[in-house]
PDB file of N, CA and C in Angstrom:
ATOM      1  N   MET A   1      -3.757   8.238  14.028  1.00  0.00           N
ATOM      2  CA  MET A   1      -2.525   8.015  13.262  1.00  0.00           C
ATOM      3  C   MET A   1      -2.057   9.320  12.606  1.00  0.00           C
ATOM      4  N   VAL A   2      -0.841   9.313  12.094  1.00  0.00           N
ATOM      5  CA  VAL A   2      -0.288  10.534  11.482  1.00  0.00           C
ATOM      6  C   VAL A   2      -1.060  10.907  10.229  1.00  0.00           C
ATOM      7  N   LYS A   3      -1.231   9.956   9.316  1.00  0.00           N
ATOM      8  CA  LYS A   3      -1.914  10.265   8.051  1.00  0.00           C
ATOM      9  C   LYS A   3      -3.326  10.800   8.307  1.00  0.00           C
ATOM     10  N   PHE A   4      -3.916  10.411   9.429  1.00  0.00           N
ATOM     11  CA  PHE A   4      -5.272  10.887   9.734  1.00  0.00           C
ATOM     12  C   PHE A   4      -5.211  12.263  10.384  1.00  0.00           C
ATOM     13  N   GLU A   5      -4.144  12.494  11.163  1.00  0.00           N
ATOM     14  CA  GLU A   5      -3.999  13.776  11.864  1.00  0.00           C
ATOM     15  C   GLU A   5      -3.900  14.936  10.888  1.00  0.00           C
ATOM     16  N   PHE A   6      -3.001  14.832   9.915  1.00  0.00           N
ATOM     17  CA  PHE A   6      -2.785  15.949   8.979  1.00  0.00           C
ATOM     18  C   PHE A   6      -4.048  16.225   8.159  1.00  0.00           C
ATOM     19  N   ASP A   7      -4.929  15.254   8.067  1.00  0.00           N
ATOM     20  CA  ASP A   7      -6.165  15.467   7.296  1.00  0.00           C
ATOM     21  C   ASP A   7      -7.376  15.408   8.226  1.00  0.00           C
ATOM     22  N   GLU A   8      -7.570  16.459   8.993  1.00  0.00           N
ATOM     23  CA  GLU A   8      -8.686  16.449   9.947  1.00  0.00           C
ATOM     24  C   GLU A   8     -10.025  16.315   9.226  1.00  0.00           C
ATOM     25  N   ASN A   9     -10.199  17.085   8.165  1.00  0.00           N
ATOM     26  CA  ASN A   9     -11.469  17.049   7.420  1.00  0.00           C
ATOM     27  C   ASN A   9     -11.733  15.659   6.863  1.00  0.00           C
ATOM     28  N   LYS A  10     -10.750  15.111   6.166  1.00  0.00           N
ATOM     29  CA  LYS A  10     -10.931  13.798   5.542  1.00  0.00           C
ATOM     30  C   LYS A  10     -10.980  12.710   6.617  1.00  0.00           C
ATOM     31  N   SER A  11     -10.155  12.875   7.645  1.00  0.00           N
ATOM     32  CA  SER A  11     -10.089  11.863   8.704  1.00  0.00           C
ATOM     33  C   SER A  11     -11.446  11.740   9.402  1.00  0.00           C
ATOM     34  N   ARG A  12     -12.099  12.865   9.627  1.00  0.00           N
ATOM     35  CA  ARG A  12     -13.402  12.845  10.309  1.00  0.00           C
ATOM     36  C   ARG A  12     -14.345  11.857   9.609  1.00  0.00           C
ATOM     37  N   SER A  13     -14.368  11.880   8.285  1.00  0.00           N
ATOM     38  CA  SER A  13     -15.253  10.984   7.531  1.00  0.00           C
ATOM     39  C   SER A  13     -14.779   9.543   7.692  1.00  0.00           C
ATOM     40  N   ASN A  14     -13.459   9.340   7.619  1.00  0.00           N
ATOM     41  CA  ASN A  14     -12.915   7.985   7.741  1.00  0.00           C
ATOM     42  C   ASN A  14     -13.224   7.404   9.117  1.00  0.00           C
ATOM     43  N   PHE A  15     -13.044   8.222  10.150  1.00  0.00           N
ATOM     44  CA  PHE A  15     -13.300   7.759  11.513  1.00  0.00           C
ATOM     45  C   PHE A  15     -14.745   7.299  11.657  1.00  0.00           C
ATOM     46  N   GLU A  16     -15.652   8.084  11.105  1.00  0.00           N
ATOM     47  CA  GLU A  16     -17.076   7.737  11.205  1.00  0.00           C
ATOM     48  C   GLU A  16     -17.330   6.360  10.595  1.00  0.00           C
ATOM     49  N   LYS A  17     -16.699   6.090   9.462  1.00  0.00           N
ATOM     50  CA  LYS A  17     -16.899   4.793   8.790  1.00  0.00           C
ATOM     51  C   LYS A  17     -16.280   3.668   9.619  1.00  0.00           C
ATOM     52  N   HIS A  18     -15.115   3.947  10.215  1.00  0.00           N
ATOM     53  CA  HIS A  18     -14.421   2.918  11.003  1.00  0.00           C
ATOM     54  C   HIS A  18     -14.994   2.814  12.418  1.00  0.00           C
ATOM     55  N   GLY A  19     -15.902   3.709  12.753  1.00  0.00           N
ATOM     56  CA  GLY A  19     -16.511   3.654  14.084  1.00  0.00           C
ATOM     57  C   GLY A  19     -15.682   4.436  15.097  1.00  0.00           C
ATOM     58  N   ILE A  20     -14.990   5.455  14.629  1.00  0.00           N
ATOM     59  CA  ILE A  20     -14.182   6.295  15.531  1.00  0.00           C
ATOM     60  C   ILE A  20     -13.204   5.442  16.337  1.00  0.00           C
ATOM     61  N   ASP A  21     -12.664   4.400  15.724  1.00  0.00           N
ATOM     62  CA  ASP A  21     -11.702   3.548  16.436  1.00  0.00           C
ATOM     63  C   ASP A  21     -10.348   4.238  16.530  1.00  0.00           C
ATOM     64  N   PHE A  22      -9.919   4.861  15.421  1.00  0.00           N
ATOM     65  CA  PHE A  22      -8.611   5.522  15.398  1.00  0.00           C
ATOM     66  C   PHE A  22      -8.651   6.841  16.175  1.00  0.00           C
ATOM     67  N   TYR A  23      -9.791   7.494  16.147  1.00  0.00           N
ATOM     68  CA  TYR A  23      -9.913   8.792  16.825  1.00  0.00           C
ATOM     69  C   TYR A  23      -9.683   8.641  18.330  1.00  0.00           C
ATOM     70  N   THR A  24     -10.259   7.606  18.910  1.00  0.00           N
ATOM     71  CA  THR A  24     -10.122   7.390  20.354  1.00  0.00           C
ATOM     72  C   THR A  24      -8.735   6.831  20.681  1.00  0.00           C
ATOM     73  N   ALA A  25      -8.159   6.086  19.793  1.00  0.00           N
ATOM     74  CA  ALA A  25      -6.853   5.446  20.021  1.00  0.00           C
ATOM     75  C   ALA A  25      -5.759   6.463  20.281  1.00  0.00           C
TER      76      ALA A  25
END
C-alpha cells in the first residue's frame, strides 16, 4: 500500500507482524 511504501523501515516491521501479506500483494 502507499502508506507502507513511503515508510520502508516502519513498513518492514508491520509486514512481519501481518505475515508479509501486504508486501507480497
